[in-house]
Amino acid sequence: MIKVVKNTATEIAVTFKENSTVANPFYLIQVQNTQDEIVSTITPTDISTSKDRYNLFSITSPLAKGEYYYTAYDSDIEDPTIGDVIGVVEYGIFVVDSTEDLEDNVYL
């Protein structure tokens, strides 16, 4: 599971490289909201110092608070789009936390 905070730079460590079929891969993360099924993409930049052991990304997500399914793809093109991807390197749950999206009208 990947957990980020909305509109805040959050560092995540993953192991995308171990499943990549590209020598020097770039990545695209596609997320789908579990409630409304809206699909968005994130193009993270790998800031890790040892890319063969792990991938470290700093992600600032504008996504609304909630749970998402994610699929991470590799590509040999920098800043890939979904049409540029080569293969799936990982999939799972992507959670966005936020204090901005709290309900104002909650009645007990």
PDB file of N, CA and C in Angstrom:
ATOM      1  N   MET A   1       0.844  -1.173   0.000  1.00  0.00           N
ATOM      2  CA  MET A   1       0.000   0.000   0.000  1.00  0.00           C
ATOM      3  C   MET A   1       0.893   1.242   0.000  1.00  0.00           C
ATOM      4  N   ILE A   2       0.505   2.192  -0.818  1.00  0.00           N
ATOM      5  CA  ILE A   2       1.186   3.480  -0.879  1.00  0.00           C
ATOM      6  C   ILE A   2       0.273   4.506  -0.224  1.00  0.00           C
ATOM      7  N   LYS A   3       0.818   5.302   0.702  1.00  0.00           N
ATOM      8  CA  LYS A   3       0.023   6.322   1.373  1.00  0.00           C
ATOM      9  C   LYS A   3       0.677   7.679   1.168  1.00  0.00           C
ATOM     10  N   VAL A   4      -0.115   8.652   0.684  1.00  0.00           N
ATOM     11  CA  VAL A   4       0.364  10.014   0.476  1.00  0.00           C
ATOM     12  C   VAL A   4      -0.609  10.992   1.122  1.00  0.00           C
ATOM     13  N   VAL A   5      -0.148  12.232   1.281  1.00  0.00           N
ATOM     14  CA  VAL A   5      -0.992  13.293   1.821  1.00  0.00           C
ATOM     15  C   VAL A   5      -1.284  14.273   0.699  1.00  0.00           C
ATOM     16  N   LYS A   6      -2.558  14.629   0.534  1.00  0.00           N
ATOM     17  CA  LYS A   6      -2.983  15.510  -0.546  1.00  0.00           C
ATOM     18  C   LYS A   6      -2.236  16.847  -0.487  1.00  0.00           C
ATOM     19  N   ASN A   7      -1.750  17.284  -1.647  1.00  0.00           N
ATOM     20  CA  ASN A   7      -1.070  18.566  -1.832  1.00  0.00           C
ATOM     21  C   ASN A   7       0.160  18.753  -0.945  1.00  0.00           C
ATOM     22  N   THR A   8       0.768  17.658  -0.529  1.00  0.00           N
ATOM     23  CA  THR A   8       1.978  17.684   0.287  1.00  0.00           C
ATOM     24  C   THR A   8       2.989  16.730  -0.331  1.00  0.00           C
ATOM     25  N   ALA A   9       4.223  17.186  -0.475  1.00  0.00           N
ATOM     26  CA  ALA A   9       5.266  16.302  -1.017  1.00  0.00           C
ATOM     27  C   ALA A   9       5.477  15.142  -0.048  1.00  0.00           C
ATOM     28  N   THR A  10       5.237  13.934  -0.538  1.00  0.00           N
ATOM     29  CA  THR A  10       5.362  12.724   0.266  1.00  0.00           C
ATOM     30  C   THR A  10       6.346  11.793  -0.420  1.00  0.00           C
ATOM     31  N   GLU A  11       7.372  11.338   0.317  1.00  0.00           N
ATOM     32  CA  GLU A  11       8.329  10.394  -0.256  1.00  0.00           C
ATOM     33  C   GLU A  11       7.829   8.973  -0.030  1.00  0.00           C
ATOM     34  N   ILE A  12       7.863   8.191  -1.112  1.00  0.00           N
ATOM     35  CA  ILE A  12       7.484   6.782  -1.021  1.00  0.00           C
ATOM     36  C   ILE A  12       8.631   5.931  -1.562  1.00  0.00           C
ATOM     37  N   ALA A  13       8.880   4.824  -0.910  1.00  0.00           N
ATOM     38  CA  ALA A  13       9.910   3.882  -1.360  1.00  0.00           C
ATOM     39  C   ALA A  13       9.219   2.614  -1.842  1.00  0.00           C
ATOM     40  N   VAL A  14       9.533   2.206  -3.059  1.00  0.00           N
ATOM     41  CA  VAL A  14       8.954   1.020  -3.675  1.00  0.00           C
ATOM     42  C   VAL A  14      10.055   0.238  -4.389  1.00  0.00           C
ATOM     43  N   THR A  15       9.706  -0.918  -4.926  1.00  0.00           N
ATOM     44  CA  THR A  15      10.686  -1.724  -5.660  1.00  0.00           C
ATOM     45  C   THR A  15      10.180  -1.997  -7.071  1.00  0.00           C
ATOM     46  N   PHE A  16       9.947  -0.936  -7.840  1.00  0.00           N
ATOM     47  CA  PHE A  16       9.483  -1.086  -9.213  1.00  0.00           C
ATOM     48  C   PHE A  16      10.562  -1.684 -10.107  1.00  0.00           C
ATOM     49  N   LYS A  17      11.824  -1.324  -9.873  1.00  0.00           N
ATOM     50  CA  LYS A  17      12.933  -1.737 -10.751  1.00  0.00           C
ATOM     51  C   LYS A  17      13.051  -3.252 -10.863  1.00  0.00           C
ATOM     52  N   GLU A  18      12.781  -3.969  -9.790  1.00  0.00           N
ATOM     53  CA  GLU A  18      12.959  -5.422  -9.810  1.00  0.00           C
ATOM     54  C   GLU A  18      12.034  -6.127 -10.799  1.00  0.00           C
ATOM     55  N   ASN A  19      10.920  -5.509 -11.152  1.00  0.00           N
ATOM     56  CA  ASN A  19       9.994  -6.099 -12.118  1.00  0.00           C
ATOM     57  C   ASN A  19      10.033  -5.422 -13.478  1.00  0.00           C
ATOM     58  N   SER A  20      10.926  -4.472 -13.643  1.00  0.00           N
ATOM     59  CA  SER A  20      11.009  -3.724 -14.899  1.00  0.00           C
ATOM     60  C   SER A  20      11.765  -4.520 -15.953  1.00  0.00           C
ATOM     61  N   THR A  21      11.333  -4.352 -17.200  1.00  0.00           N
ATOM     62  CA  THR A  21      12.002  -5.009 -18.320  1.00  0.00           C
ATOM     63  C   THR A  21      12.850  -4.017 -19.118  1.00  0.00           C
ATOM     64  N   VAL A  22      12.956  -2.788 -18.618  1.00  0.00           N
ATOM     65  CA  VAL A  22      13.692  -1.719 -19.292  1.00  0.00           C
ATOM     66  C   VAL A  22      14.979  -1.444 -18.519  1.00  0.00           C
ATOM     67  N   ALA A  23      16.082  -1.206 -19.232  1.00  0.00           N
ATOM     68  CA  ALA A  23      17.368  -0.983 -18.573  1.00  0.00           C
ATOM     69  C   ALA A  23      17.370   0.264 -17.687  1.00  0.00           C
ATOM     70  N   ASN A  24      16.915   1.390 -18.190  1.00  0.00           N
ATOM     71  CA  ASN A  24      16.840   2.639 -17.432  1.00  0.00           C
ATOM     72  C   ASN A  24      15.403   3.156 -17.477  1.00  0.00           C
ATOM     73  N   PRO A  25      14.542   2.575 -16.662  1.00  0.00           N
ATOM     74  CA  PRO A  25      13.114   2.854 -16.800  1.00  0.00           C
ATOM     75  C   PRO A  25      12.665   4.192 -16.216  1.00  0.00           C
ATOM     76  N   PHE A  26      11.585   4.678 -16.794  1.00  0.00           N
ATOM     77  CA  PHE A  26      10.802   5.770 -16.250  1.00  0.00           C
ATOM     78  C   PHE A  26       9.449   5.140 -15.910  1.00  0.00           C
ATOM     79  N   TYR A  27       8.701   5.772 -15.022  1.00  0.00           N
ATOM     80  CA  TYR A  27       7.480   5.129 -14.542  1.00  0.00           C
ATOM     81  C   TYR A  27       6.250   6.010 -14.710  1.00  0.00           C
ATOM     82  N   LEU A  28       5.118   5.342 -14.816  1.00  0.00           N
ATOM     83  CA  LEU A  28       3.813   5.983 -14.849  1.00  0.00           C
ATOM     84  C   LEU A  28       2.932   5.208 -13.871  1.00  0.00           C
ATOM     85  N   ILE A  29       2.268   5.928 -12.982  1.00  0.00           N
ATOM     86  CA  ILE A  29       1.353   5.297 -12.035  1.00  0.00           C
ATOM     87  C   ILE A  29      -0.062   5.724 -12.405  1.00  0.00           C
ATOM     88  N   GLN A  30      -0.895   4.742 -12.708  1.00  0.00           N
ATOM     89  CA  GLN A  30      -2.297   5.021 -13.032  1.00  0.00           C
ATOM     90  C   GLN A  30      -3.129   4.633 -11.816  1.00  0.00           C
ATOM     91  N   VAL A  31      -3.961   5.552 -11.342  1.00  0.00           N
ATOM     92  CA  VAL A  31      -4.791   5.299 -10.166  1.00  0.00           C
ATOM     93  C   VAL A  31      -6.265   5.393 -10.540  1.00  0.00           C
ATOM     94  N   GLN A  32      -7.064   4.530  -9.927  1.00  0.00           N
ATOM     95  CA  GLN A  32      -8.507   4.526 -10.166  1.00  0.00           C
ATOM     96  C   GLN A  32      -9.211   4.589  -8.824  1.00  0.00           C
ATOM     97  N   ASN A  33     -10.026   5.615  -8.626  1.00  0.00           N
ATOM     98  CA  ASN A  33     -10.765   5.787  -7.386  1.00  0.00           C
ATOM     99  C   ASN A  33     -11.689   4.590  -7.170  1.00  0.00           C
ATOM    100  N   THR A  34     -11.690   4.034  -5.968  1.00  0.00           N
ATOM    101  CA  THR A  34     -12.488   2.842  -5.686  1.00  0.00           C
ATOM    102  C   THR A  34     -13.982   3.136  -5.603  1.00  0.00           C
ATOM    103  N   GLN A  35     -14.361   4.413  -5.432  1.00  0.00           N
ATOM    104  CA  GLN A  35     -15.788   4.741  -5.319  1.00  0.00           C
ATOM    105  C   GLN A  35     -16.378   5.216  -6.637  1.00  0.00           C
ATOM    106  N   ASP A  36     -15.748   6.207  -7.267  1.00  0.00           N
ATOM    107  CA  ASP A  36     -16.347   6.749  -8.488  1.00  0.00           C
ATOM    108  C   ASP A  36     -15.649   6.272  -9.761  1.00  0.00           C
ATOM    109  N   GLU A  37     -14.597   5.473  -9.616  1.00  0.00           N
ATOM    110  CA  GLU A  37     -13.860   4.843 -10.716  1.00  0.00           C
ATOM    111  C   GLU A  37     -13.193   5.835 -11.684  1.00  0.00           C
ATOM    112  N   ILE A  38     -13.001   7.084 -11.252  1.00  0.00           N
ATOM    113  CA  ILE A  38     -12.283   8.056 -12.074  1.00  0.00           C
ATOM    114  C   ILE A  38     -10.811   7.666 -12.111  1.00  0.00           C
ATOM    115  N   VAL A  39     -10.229   7.705 -13.306  1.00  0.00           N
ATOM    116  CA  VAL A  39      -8.831   7.304 -13.505  1.00  0.00           C
ATOM    117  C   VAL A  39      -7.958   8.540 -13.683  1.00  0.00           C
ATOM    118  N   SER A  40      -6.816   8.569 -12.994  1.00  0.00           N
ATOM    119  CA  SER A  40      -5.833   9.645 -13.109  1.00  0.00           C
ATOM    120  C   SER A  40      -4.452   9.014 -13.253  1.00  0.00           C
ATOM    121  N   THR A  41      -3.489   9.801 -13.701  1.00  0.00           N
ATOM    122  CA  THR A  41      -2.114   9.295 -13.815  1.00  0.00           C
ATOM    123  C   THR A  41      -1.154  10.209 -13.070  1.00  0.00           C
ATOM    124  N   ILE A  42      -0.081   9.603 -12.587  1.00  0.00           N
ATOM    125  CA  ILE A  42       0.995  10.308 -11.897  1.00  0.00           C
ATOM    126  C   ILE A  42       2.294   9.878 -12.564  1.00  0.00           C
ATOM    127  N   THR A  43       3.140  10.849 -12.895  1.00  0.00           N
ATOM    128  CA  THR A  43       4.454  10.542 -13.464  1.00  0.00           C
ATOM    129  C   THR A  43       5.512  10.931 -12.439  1.00  0.00           C
ATOM    130  N   PRO A  44       5.923   9.980 -11.596  1.00  0.00           N
ATOM    131  CA  PRO A  44       6.872  10.309 -10.535  1.00  0.00           C
ATOM    132  C   PRO A  44       8.306  10.375 -11.056  1.00  0.00           C
ATOM    133  N   THR A  45       9.136  11.119 -10.349  1.00  0.00           N
ATOM    134  CA  THR A  45      10.564  11.184 -10.654  1.00  0.00           C
ATOM    135  C   THR A  45      11.315  10.396  -9.596  1.00  0.00           C
ATOM    136  N   ASP A  46      12.161   9.482 -10.042  1.00  0.00           N
ATOM    137  CA  ASP A  46      12.929   8.634  -9.136  1.00  0.00           C
ATOM    138  C   ASP A  46      14.089   9.435  -8.553  1.00  0.00           C
ATOM    139  N   ILE A  47      14.091   9.642  -7.232  1.00  0.00           N
ATOM    140  CA  ILE A  47      15.149  10.407  -6.571  1.00  0.00           C
ATOM    141  C   ILE A  47      16.060   9.519  -5.728  1.00  0.00           C
ATOM    142  N   SER A  48      15.942   8.199  -5.902  1.00  0.00           N
ATOM    143  CA  SER A  48      16.750   7.283  -5.097  1.00  0.00           C
ATOM    144  C   SER A  48      18.207   7.307  -5.524  1.00  0.00           C
ATOM    145  N   THR A  49      19.069   6.970  -4.582  1.00  0.00           N
ATOM    146  CA  THR A  49      20.505   6.936  -4.846  1.00  0.00           C
ATOM    147  C   THR A  49      20.971   5.554  -5.283  1.00  0.00           C
ATOM    148  N   SER A  50      20.123   4.546  -5.114  1.00  0.00           N
ATOM    149  CA  SER A  50      20.467   3.177  -5.484  1.00  0.00           C
ATOM    150  C   SER A  50      19.280   2.540  -6.200  1.00  0.00           C
ATOM    151  N   LYS A  51      19.059   2.940  -7.434  1.00  0.00           N
ATOM    152  CA  LYS A  51      17.865   2.535  -8.185  1.00  0.00           C
ATOM    153  C   LYS A  51      17.740   1.025  -8.392  1.00  0.00           C
ATOM    154  N   ASP A  52      18.844   0.286  -8.319  1.00  0.00           N
ATOM    155  CA  ASP A  52      18.767  -1.165  -8.470  1.00  0.00           C
ATOM    156  C   ASP A  52      18.216  -1.844  -7.216  1.00  0.00           C
ATOM    157  N   ARG A  53      18.283  -1.166  -6.079  1.00  0.00           N
ATOM    158  CA  ARG A  53      17.787  -1.744  -4.825  1.00  0.00           C
ATOM    159  C   ARG A  53      16.375  -1.286  -4.493  1.00  0.00           C
ATOM    160  N   TYR A  54      16.087  -0.016  -4.754  1.00  0.00           N
ATOM    161  CA  TYR A  54      14.768   0.533  -4.450  1.00  0.00           C
ATOM    162  C   TYR A  54      14.549   1.796  -5.268  1.00  0.00           C
ATOM    163  N   ASN A  55      13.304   2.207  -5.355  1.00  0.00           N
ATOM    164  CA  ASN A  55      12.950   3.453  -6.031  1.00  0.00           C
ATOM    165  C   ASN A  55      12.332   4.384  -4.998  1.00  0.00           C
ATOM    166  N   LEU A  56      12.821   5.604  -4.937  1.00  0.00           N
ATOM    167  CA  LEU A  56      12.297   6.602  -4.008  1.00  0.00           C
ATOM    168  C   LEU A  56      11.697   7.728  -4.836  1.00  0.00           C
ATOM    169  N   PHE A  57      10.423   7.985  -4.604  1.00  0.00           N
ATOM    170  CA  PHE A  57       9.714   9.028  -5.333  1.00  0.00           C
ATOM    171  C   PHE A  57       9.193  10.072  -4.360  1.00  0.00           C
ATOM    172  N   SER A  58       9.196  11.318  -4.793  1.00  0.00           N
ATOM    173  CA  SER A  58       8.524  12.384  -4.059  1.00  0.00           C
ATOM    174  C   SER A  58       7.277  12.723  -4.863  1.00  0.00           C
ATOM    175  N   ILE A  59       6.117  12.462  -4.271  1.00  0.00           N
ATOM    176  CA  ILE A  59       4.845  12.650  -4.969  1.00  0.00           C
ATOM    177  C   ILE A  59       4.025  13.716  -4.254  1.00  0.00           C
ATOM    178  N   THR A  60       3.564  14.701  -5.012  1.00  0.00           N
ATOM    179  CA  THR A  60       2.601  15.681  -4.514  1.00  0.00           C
ATOM    180  C   THR A  60       1.296  15.413  -5.258  1.00  0.00           C
ATOM    181  N   SER A  61       0.344  14.842  -4.558  1.00  0.00           N
ATOM    182  CA  SER A  61      -0.893  14.384  -5.193  1.00  0.00           C
ATOM    183  C   SER A  61      -2.030  15.386  -5.000  1.00  0.00           C
ATOM    184  N   PRO A  62      -2.671  15.779  -6.108  1.00  0.00           N
ATOM    185  CA  PRO A  62      -3.851  16.630  -5.991  1.00  0.00           C
ATOM    186  C   PRO A  62      -5.149  15.821  -5.850  1.00  0.00           C
ATOM    187  N   LEU A  63      -5.032  14.511  -5.776  1.00  0.00           N
ATOM    188  CA  LEU A  63      -6.208  13.639  -5.725  1.00  0.00           C
ATOM    189  C   LEU A  63      -7.003  13.857  -4.437  1.00  0.00           C
ATOM    190  N   ALA A  64      -8.292  13.642  -4.512  1.00  0.00           N
ATOM    191  CA  ALA A  64      -9.170  13.761  -3.351  1.00  0.00           C
ATOM    192  C   ALA A  64      -8.874  12.646  -2.350  1.00  0.00           C
ATOM    193  N   LYS A  65      -9.177  12.914  -1.101  1.00  0.00           N
ATOM    194  CA  LYS A  65      -8.991  11.926  -0.041  1.00  0.00           C
ATOM    195  C   LYS A  65      -9.767  10.667  -0.390  1.00  0.00           C
ATOM    196  N   GLY A  66      -9.134   9.517  -0.200  1.00  0.00           N
ATOM    197  CA  GLY A  66      -9.816   8.256  -0.461  1.00  0.00           C
ATOM    198  C   GLY A  66      -8.864   7.155  -0.831  1.00  0.00           C
ATOM    199  N   GLU A  67      -9.432   6.030  -1.240  1.00  0.00           N
ATOM    200  CA  GLU A  67      -8.659   4.866  -1.664  1.00  0.00           C
ATOM    201  C   GLU A  67      -8.736   4.714  -3.174  1.00  0.00           C
ATOM    202  N   TYR A  68      -7.617   4.281  -3.730  1.00  0.00           N
ATOM    203  CA  TYR A  68      -7.484   4.103  -5.166  1.00  0.00           C
ATOM    204  C   TYR A  68      -6.784   2.770  -5.425  1.00  0.00           C
ATOM    205  N   TYR A  69      -7.095   2.152  -6.539  1.00  0.00           N
ATOM    206  CA  TYR A  69      -6.295   1.038  -7.037  1.00  0.00           C
ATOM    207  C   TYR A  69      -5.209   1.653  -7.901  1.00  0.00           C
ATOM    208  N   TYR A  70      -3.984   1.155  -7.789  1.00  0.00           N
ATOM    209  CA  TYR A  70      -2.945   1.684  -8.668  1.00  0.00           C
ATOM    210  C   TYR A  70      -2.288   0.575  -9.473  1.00  0.00           C
ATOM    211  N   THR A  71      -1.842   0.947 -10.651  1.00  0.00           N
ATOM    212  CA  THR A  71      -1.035   0.085 -11.494  1.00  0.00           C
ATOM    213  C   THR A  71       0.169   0.915 -11.913  1.00  0.00           C
ATOM    214  N   ALA A  72       1.362   0.400 -11.650  1.00  0.00           N
ATOM    215  CA  ALA A  72       2.596   1.095 -12.026  1.00  0.00           C
ATOM    216  C   ALA A  72       3.166   0.435 -13.275  1.00  0.00           C
ATOM    217  N   TYR A  73       3.506   1.269 -14.245  1.00  0.00           N
ATOM    218  CA  TYR A  73       4.041   0.800 -15.522  1.00  0.00           C
ATOM    219  C   TYR A  73       5.455   1.335 -15.716  1.00  0.00           C
ATOM    220  N   ASP A  74       6.252   0.612 -16.500  1.00  0.00           N
ATOM    221  CA  ASP A  74       7.574   1.107 -16.874  1.00  0.00           C
ATOM    222  C   ASP A  74       7.576   1.524 -18.336  1.00  0.00           C
ATOM    223  N   SER A  75       8.536   2.379 -18.668  1.00  0.00           N
ATOM    224  CA  SER A  75       8.671   2.885 -20.029  1.00  0.00           C
ATOM    225  C   SER A  75      10.119   3.277 -20.256  1.00  0.00           C
ATOM    226  N   ASP A  76      10.530   3.305 -21.513  1.00  0.00           N
ATOM    227  CA  ASP A  76      11.869   3.781 -21.834  1.00  0.00           C
ATOM    228  C   ASP A  76      11.847   5.253 -22.258  1.00  0.00           C
ATOM    229  N   ILE A  77      10.688   5.900 -22.101  1.00  0.00           N
ATOM    230  CA  ILE A  77      10.514   7.305 -22.473  1.00  0.00           C
ATOM    231  C   ILE A  77      10.295   8.131 -21.208  1.00  0.00           C
ATOM    232  N   GLU A  78      11.013   9.241 -21.093  1.00  0.00           N
ATOM    233  CA  GLU A  78      10.829  10.135 -19.953  1.00  0.00           C
ATOM    234  C   GLU A  78       9.451  10.788 -20.026  1.00  0.00           C
ATOM    235  N   ASP A  79       8.792  10.961 -18.884  1.00  0.00           N
ATOM    236  CA  ASP A  79       7.427  11.496 -18.801  1.00  0.00           C
ATOM    237  C   ASP A  79       6.457  10.723 -19.699  1.00  0.00           C
ATOM    238  N   PRO A  80       6.338   9.417 -19.489  1.00  0.00           N
ATOM    239  CA  PRO A  80       5.500   8.598 -20.374  1.00  0.00           C
ATOM    240  C   PRO A  80       4.010   8.871 -20.201  1.00  0.00           C
ATOM    241  N   THR A  81       3.270   8.590 -21.246  1.00  0.00           N
ATOM    242  CA  THR A  81       1.810   8.555 -21.188  1.00  0.00           C
ATOM    243  C   THR A  81       1.420   7.085 -21.219  1.00  0.00           C
ATOM    244  N   ILE A  82       0.145   6.795 -21.083  1.00  0.00           N
ATOM    245  CA  ILE A  82      -0.302   5.396 -21.059  1.00  0.00           C
ATOM    246  C   ILE A  82       0.027   4.687 -22.372  1.00  0.00           C
ATOM    247  N   GLY A  83       0.120   5.436 -23.465  1.00  0.00           N
ATOM    248  CA  GLY A  83       0.471   4.842 -24.751  1.00  0.00           C
ATOM    249  C   GLY A  83       1.943   4.484 -24.882  1.00  0.00           C
ATOM    250  N   ASP A  84       2.783   4.993 -23.976  1.00  0.00           N
ATOM    251  CA  ASP A  84       4.229   4.759 -24.020  1.00  0.00           C
ATOM    252  C   ASP A  84       4.695   3.607 -23.136  1.00  0.00           C
ATOM    253  N   VAL A  85       3.809   3.051 -22.321  1.00  0.00           N
ATOM    254  CA  VAL A  85       4.246   2.057 -21.342  1.00  0.00           C
ATOM    255  C   VAL A  85       4.595   0.732 -22.005  1.00  0.00           C
ATOM    256  N   ILE A  86       5.482   0.000 -21.343  1.00  0.00           N
ATOM    257  CA  ILE A  86       5.931  -1.291 -21.859  1.00  0.00           C
ATOM    258  C   ILE A  86       5.313  -2.443 -21.073  1.00  0.00           C
ATOM    259  N   GLY A  87       5.311  -2.326 -19.753  1.00  0.00           N
ATOM    260  CA  GLY A  87       4.758  -3.412 -18.954  1.00  0.00           C
ATOM    261  C   GLY A  87       4.354  -2.960 -17.568  1.00  0.00           C
ATOM    262  N   VAL A  88       3.647  -3.826 -16.859  1.00  0.00           N
ATOM    263  CA  VAL A  88       3.227  -3.577 -15.482  1.00  0.00           C
ATOM    264  C   VAL A  88       4.348  -4.009 -14.547  1.00  0.00           C
ATOM    265  N   VAL A  89       4.708  -3.144 -13.601  1.00  0.00           N
ATOM    266  CA  VAL A  89       5.746  -3.499 -12.632  1.00  0.00           C
ATOM    267  C   VAL A  89       5.181  -3.737 -11.236  1.00  0.00           C
ATOM    268  N   GLU A  90       3.998  -3.185 -10.956  1.00  0.00           N
ATOM    269  CA  GLU A  90       3.398  -3.399  -9.643  1.00  0.00           C
ATOM    270  C   GLU A  90       1.962  -2.886  -9.655  1.00  0.00           C
ATOM    271  N   TYR A  91       1.148  -3.431  -8.777  1.00  0.00           N
ATOM    272  CA  TYR A  91      -0.201  -2.919  -8.583  1.00  0.00           C
ATOM    273  C   TYR A  91      -0.575  -3.090  -7.124  1.00  0.00           C
ATOM    274  N   GLY A  92      -1.542  -2.298  -6.673  1.00  0.00           N
ATOM    275  CA  GLY A  92      -1.944  -2.374  -5.274  1.00  0.00           C
ATOM    276  C   GLY A  92      -2.922  -1.273  -4.916  1.00  0.00           C
ATOM    277  N   ILE A  93      -2.880  -0.863  -3.635  1.00  0.00           N
ATOM    278  CA  ILE A  93      -3.781   0.162  -3.105  1.00  0.00           C
ATOM    279  C   ILE A  93      -2.985   1.443  -2.860  1.00  0.00           C
ATOM    280  N   PHE A  94      -3.585   2.564  -3.243  1.00  0.00           N
ATOM    281  CA  PHE A  94      -2.999   3.901  -3.114  1.00  0.00           C
ATOM    282  C   PHE A  94      -3.969   4.703  -2.257  1.00  0.00           C
ATOM    283  N   VAL A  95      -3.523   5.175  -1.097  1.00  0.00           N
ATOM    284  CA  VAL A  95      -4.396   5.897  -0.170  1.00  0.00           C
ATOM    285  C   VAL A  95      -3.969   7.352  -0.113  1.00  0.00           C
ATOM    286  N   VAL A  96      -4.947   8.251  -0.270  1.00  0.00           N
ATOM    287  CA  VAL A  96      -4.692   9.683  -0.148  1.00  0.00           C
ATOM    288  C   VAL A  96      -5.371  10.159   1.126  1.00  0.00           C
ATOM    289  N   ASP A  97      -4.585  10.772   1.998  1.00  0.00           N
ATOM    290  CA  ASP A  97      -5.106  11.322   3.242  1.00  0.00           C
ATOM    291  C   ASP A  97      -5.168  12.836   3.096  1.00  0.00           C
ATOM    292  N   SER A  98      -6.111  13.467   3.770  1.00  0.00           N
ATOM    293  CA  SER A  98      -6.246  14.915   3.656  1.00  0.00           C
ATOM    294  C   SER A  98      -7.077  15.463   4.793  1.00  0.00           C
ATOM    295  N   THR A  99      -6.694  16.630   5.278  1.00  0.00           N
ATOM    296  CA  THR A  99      -7.537  17.338   6.233  1.00  0.00           C
ATOM    297  C   THR A  99      -8.416  18.334   5.501  1.00  0.00           C
ATOM    298  N   GLU A 100      -8.118  18.576   4.222  1.00  0.00           N
ATOM    299  CA  GLU A 100      -8.881  19.536   3.425  1.00  0.00           C
ATOM    300  C   GLU A 100     -10.255  19.007   3.036  1.00  0.00           C
ATOM    301  N   ASP A 101     -10.403  17.699   2.920  1.00  0.00           N
ATOM    302  CA  ASP A 101     -11.633  17.113   2.404  1.00  0.00           C
ATOM    303  C   ASP A 101     -12.563  16.600   3.498  1.00  0.00           C
ATOM    304  N   LEU A 102     -12.493  17.202   4.676  1.00  0.00           N
ATOM    305  CA  LEU A 102     -13.365  16.761   5.761  1.00  0.00           C
ATOM    306  C   LEU A 102     -14.788  17.247   5.521  1.00  0.00           C
ATOM    307  N   GLU A 103     -15.734  16.469   5.975  1.00  0.00           N
ATOM    308  CA  GLU A 103     -17.139  16.834   5.836  1.00  0.00           C
ATOM    309  C   GLU A 103     -17.475  17.961   6.806  1.00  0.00           C
ATOM    310  N   ASP A 104     -18.119  19.012   6.324  1.00  0.00           N
ATOM    311  CA  ASP A 104     -18.541  20.125   7.168  1.00  0.00           C
ATOM    312  C   ASP A 104     -19.917  19.884   7.783  1.00  0.00           C
ATOM    313  N   ASN A 105     -20.777  19.191   7.096  1.00  0.00           N
ATOM    314  CA  ASN A 105     -22.160  19.047   7.497  1.00  0.00           C
ATOM    315  C   ASN A 105     -22.424  17.647   8.048  1.00  0.00           C
ATOM    316  N   VAL A 106     -21.798  17.320   9.131  1.00  0.00           N
ATOM    317  CA  VAL A 106     -21.991  16.013   9.770  1.00  0.00           C
ATOM    318  C   VAL A 106     -22.875  16.208  10.985  1.00  0.00           C
ATOM    319  N   TYR A 107     -24.008  15.506  11.009  1.00  0.00           N
ATOM    320  CA  TYR A 107     -24.957  15.623  12.107  1.00  0.00           C
ATOM    321  C   TYR A 107     -25.055  14.297  12.829  1.00  0.00           C
ATOM    322  N   LEU A 108     -25.133  14.357  14.126  1.00  0.00           N
ATOM    323  CA  LEU A 108     -25.263  13.134  14.936  1.00  0.00           C
ATOM    324  C   LEU A 108     -26.679  12.974  15.410  1.00  0.00           C
TER     325      LEU A 108
END
